[in-house]
N, C-alpha and C. Protein backbone atom coordinates (compact mmCIF):
# COMPACT_ATOMS: atom_id res chain seq x y z
N MET A 1 0.85 -1.17 0.00
CA MET A 1 0.00 0.00 0.00
C MET A 1 0.90 1.23 0.00
N THR A 2 0.53 2.20 -0.82
CA THR A 2 1.28 3.45 -0.93
C THR A 2 0.50 4.57 -0.28
N GLU A 3 1.18 5.39 0.53
CA GLU A 3 0.53 6.53 1.17
C GLU A 3 1.23 7.81 0.75
N LYS A 4 0.44 8.83 0.41
CA LYS A 4 0.98 10.14 0.05
C LYS A 4 0.28 11.19 0.89
N THR A 5 1.04 12.21 1.29
CA THR A 5 0.49 13.31 2.09
C THR A 5 0.93 14.63 1.47
N TYR A 6 -0.01 15.56 1.40
CA TYR A 6 0.25 16.88 0.85
C TYR A 6 -0.29 17.93 1.82
N THR A 7 0.43 19.03 1.96
CA THR A 7 -0.03 20.15 2.77
C THR A 7 0.03 21.41 1.92
N ARG A 8 -1.07 22.16 1.90
CA ARG A 8 -1.12 23.40 1.13
C ARG A 8 -1.46 24.55 2.07
N THR A 9 -0.65 25.58 2.06
CA THR A 9 -0.88 26.76 2.87
C THR A 9 -2.03 27.57 2.27
N LEU A 10 -2.99 27.94 3.10
CA LEU A 10 -4.14 28.72 2.65
C LEU A 10 -4.07 30.16 3.15
N GLY A 11 -3.14 30.43 4.02
CA GLY A 11 -2.96 31.75 4.59
C GLY A 11 -1.97 31.62 5.73
N GLU A 12 -1.73 32.70 6.43
CA GLU A 12 -0.73 32.68 7.50
C GLU A 12 -1.08 31.68 8.60
N ASN A 13 -2.36 31.53 8.89
CA ASN A 13 -2.77 30.65 9.98
C ASN A 13 -3.77 29.59 9.55
N ALA A 14 -3.72 29.20 8.28
CA ALA A 14 -4.64 28.18 7.79
C ALA A 14 -3.93 27.30 6.77
N ARG A 15 -4.30 26.02 6.75
CA ARG A 15 -3.72 25.10 5.77
C ARG A 15 -4.69 23.95 5.52
N LYS A 16 -4.49 23.29 4.37
CA LYS A 16 -5.25 22.10 4.02
C LYS A 16 -4.27 20.94 3.99
N ARG A 17 -4.64 19.86 4.64
CA ARG A 17 -3.80 18.66 4.63
C ARG A 17 -4.60 17.53 3.98
N HIS A 18 -3.96 16.82 3.07
CA HIS A 18 -4.61 15.75 2.32
C HIS A 18 -3.68 14.55 2.31
N SER A 19 -4.21 13.40 2.66
CA SER A 19 -3.42 12.18 2.50
C SER A 19 -4.34 11.09 1.96
N HIS A 20 -3.76 10.20 1.18
CA HIS A 20 -4.53 9.08 0.68
C HIS A 20 -3.62 7.86 0.55
N LYS A 21 -4.25 6.71 0.67
CA LYS A 21 -3.57 5.43 0.50
C LYS A 21 -4.15 4.75 -0.73
N THR A 22 -3.27 4.18 -1.53
CA THR A 22 -3.73 3.46 -2.71
C THR A 22 -3.23 2.02 -2.66
N GLU A 23 -4.01 1.17 -3.28
CA GLU A 23 -3.65 -0.23 -3.42
C GLU A 23 -4.03 -0.65 -4.83
N LYS A 24 -3.05 -1.12 -5.57
CA LYS A 24 -3.25 -1.51 -6.98
C LYS A 24 -3.91 -0.38 -7.78
N GLY A 25 -3.48 0.86 -7.52
CA GLY A 25 -3.96 2.01 -8.27
C GLY A 25 -5.30 2.56 -7.84
N LYS A 26 -5.91 2.02 -6.80
CA LYS A 26 -7.21 2.50 -6.32
C LYS A 26 -7.06 3.10 -4.93
N VAL A 27 -7.75 4.23 -4.69
CA VAL A 27 -7.73 4.86 -3.37
C VAL A 27 -8.54 3.98 -2.41
N VAL A 28 -7.90 3.58 -1.31
CA VAL A 28 -8.57 2.73 -0.32
C VAL A 28 -8.81 3.46 1.00
N ASP A 29 -8.19 4.63 1.17
CA ASP A 29 -8.38 5.42 2.38
C ASP A 29 -7.96 6.85 2.07
N PHE A 30 -8.62 7.84 2.69
CA PHE A 30 -8.24 9.23 2.48
C PHE A 30 -8.62 10.09 3.67
N VAL A 31 -7.94 11.23 3.78
CA VAL A 31 -8.28 12.28 4.74
C VAL A 31 -8.00 13.62 4.06
N VAL A 32 -8.96 14.52 4.12
CA VAL A 32 -8.78 15.90 3.68
C VAL A 32 -9.24 16.76 4.85
N GLN A 33 -8.35 17.62 5.32
CA GLN A 33 -8.68 18.36 6.53
C GLN A 33 -8.17 19.79 6.45
N MET A 34 -9.00 20.73 6.93
CA MET A 34 -8.58 22.11 7.06
C MET A 34 -8.15 22.32 8.50
N GLU A 35 -7.02 22.99 8.67
CA GLU A 35 -6.48 23.25 10.00
C GLU A 35 -6.21 24.74 10.14
N VAL A 36 -6.37 25.25 11.35
CA VAL A 36 -6.01 26.63 11.67
C VAL A 36 -5.03 26.62 12.83
N ARG A 37 -4.15 27.63 12.82
CA ARG A 37 -3.18 27.74 13.91
C ARG A 37 -3.76 28.63 15.00
N VAL A 38 -3.86 28.06 16.20
CA VAL A 38 -4.39 28.76 17.36
C VAL A 38 -3.34 28.69 18.45
N GLU A 39 -2.87 29.85 18.87
CA GLU A 39 -1.85 29.94 19.91
C GLU A 39 -0.65 29.04 19.60
N GLY A 40 -0.25 29.04 18.33
CA GLY A 40 0.95 28.31 17.90
C GLY A 40 0.75 26.83 17.61
N GLN A 41 -0.47 26.32 17.77
CA GLN A 41 -0.73 24.89 17.51
C GLN A 41 -1.75 24.75 16.40
N TRP A 42 -1.53 23.75 15.50
CA TRP A 42 -2.47 23.47 14.43
C TRP A 42 -3.64 22.66 14.98
N LYS A 43 -4.86 23.16 14.70
CA LYS A 43 -6.09 22.50 15.15
C LYS A 43 -6.94 22.16 13.93
N SER A 44 -7.50 20.97 13.94
CA SER A 44 -8.40 20.55 12.88
C SER A 44 -9.73 21.27 13.03
N VAL A 45 -10.24 21.83 11.92
CA VAL A 45 -11.51 22.53 11.92
C VAL A 45 -12.59 21.65 11.29
N ILE A 46 -12.25 21.09 10.14
CA ILE A 46 -13.18 20.22 9.42
C ILE A 46 -12.38 19.13 8.74
N ARG A 47 -12.92 17.92 8.76
CA ARG A 47 -12.17 16.79 8.19
C ARG A 47 -13.15 15.88 7.44
N TYR A 48 -12.77 15.53 6.22
CA TYR A 48 -13.48 14.54 5.43
C TYR A 48 -12.61 13.28 5.42
N ASP A 49 -13.20 12.14 5.73
CA ASP A 49 -12.43 10.90 5.71
C ASP A 49 -13.38 9.71 5.55
N CYS A 50 -12.82 8.53 5.59
CA CYS A 50 -13.64 7.31 5.50
C CYS A 50 -13.27 6.36 6.64
N SER A 51 -13.08 6.93 7.82
CA SER A 51 -12.65 6.14 8.98
C SER A 51 -13.73 5.20 9.50
N HIS A 52 -14.98 5.39 9.09
CA HIS A 52 -16.07 4.51 9.53
C HIS A 52 -16.55 3.64 8.37
N ASN A 53 -15.64 3.39 7.44
CA ASN A 53 -15.92 2.57 6.24
C ASN A 53 -16.86 3.25 5.25
N PHE A 54 -17.05 4.56 5.39
CA PHE A 54 -17.77 5.34 4.37
C PHE A 54 -17.31 6.79 4.50
N ALA A 55 -17.43 7.53 3.40
CA ALA A 55 -17.00 8.92 3.41
C ALA A 55 -17.95 9.76 4.25
N HIS A 56 -17.39 10.60 5.10
CA HIS A 56 -18.20 11.48 5.94
C HIS A 56 -17.39 12.69 6.37
N VAL A 57 -18.04 13.64 7.03
CA VAL A 57 -17.38 14.87 7.47
C VAL A 57 -17.47 14.98 9.00
N ASP A 58 -16.41 15.47 9.60
CA ASP A 58 -16.37 15.78 11.03
C ASP A 58 -16.07 17.27 11.16
N ARG A 59 -16.91 17.97 11.90
CA ARG A 59 -16.65 19.38 12.23
C ARG A 59 -16.18 19.41 13.66
N LYS A 60 -15.07 20.12 13.90
CA LYS A 60 -14.43 20.03 15.21
C LYS A 60 -14.35 21.38 15.89
N GLY A 61 -14.48 21.37 17.19
CA GLY A 61 -14.23 22.55 18.00
C GLY A 61 -15.25 23.66 17.81
N ALA A 62 -14.92 24.82 18.32
CA ALA A 62 -15.80 25.98 18.28
C ALA A 62 -15.91 26.57 16.88
N PHE A 63 -15.03 26.19 15.97
CA PHE A 63 -15.00 26.78 14.63
C PHE A 63 -16.15 26.30 13.76
N HIS A 64 -16.73 25.13 14.03
CA HIS A 64 -17.71 24.56 13.12
C HIS A 64 -18.95 25.43 12.93
N GLU A 65 -19.26 26.30 13.86
CA GLU A 65 -20.44 27.15 13.70
C GLU A 65 -20.28 28.16 12.58
N TYR A 66 -19.03 28.40 12.12
CA TYR A 66 -18.77 29.35 11.04
C TYR A 66 -18.70 28.68 9.68
N LEU A 67 -18.74 27.36 9.62
CA LEU A 67 -18.60 26.65 8.35
C LEU A 67 -19.94 26.40 7.70
């Protein structure tokens, strides 16, 4: 299984992180997440993944009310 991770800066205190695993050329797992830096630490705001065997979204922390 091959895993790749990418991080893209969206601003001074925001970034998007994406990772996926492939097997025989097919994506078998993924995570796409937006993070913000709060008091010097990166915090997940929203995350799309398939950790429960299906694609879904998790909104995290106090930030989700703005999404």
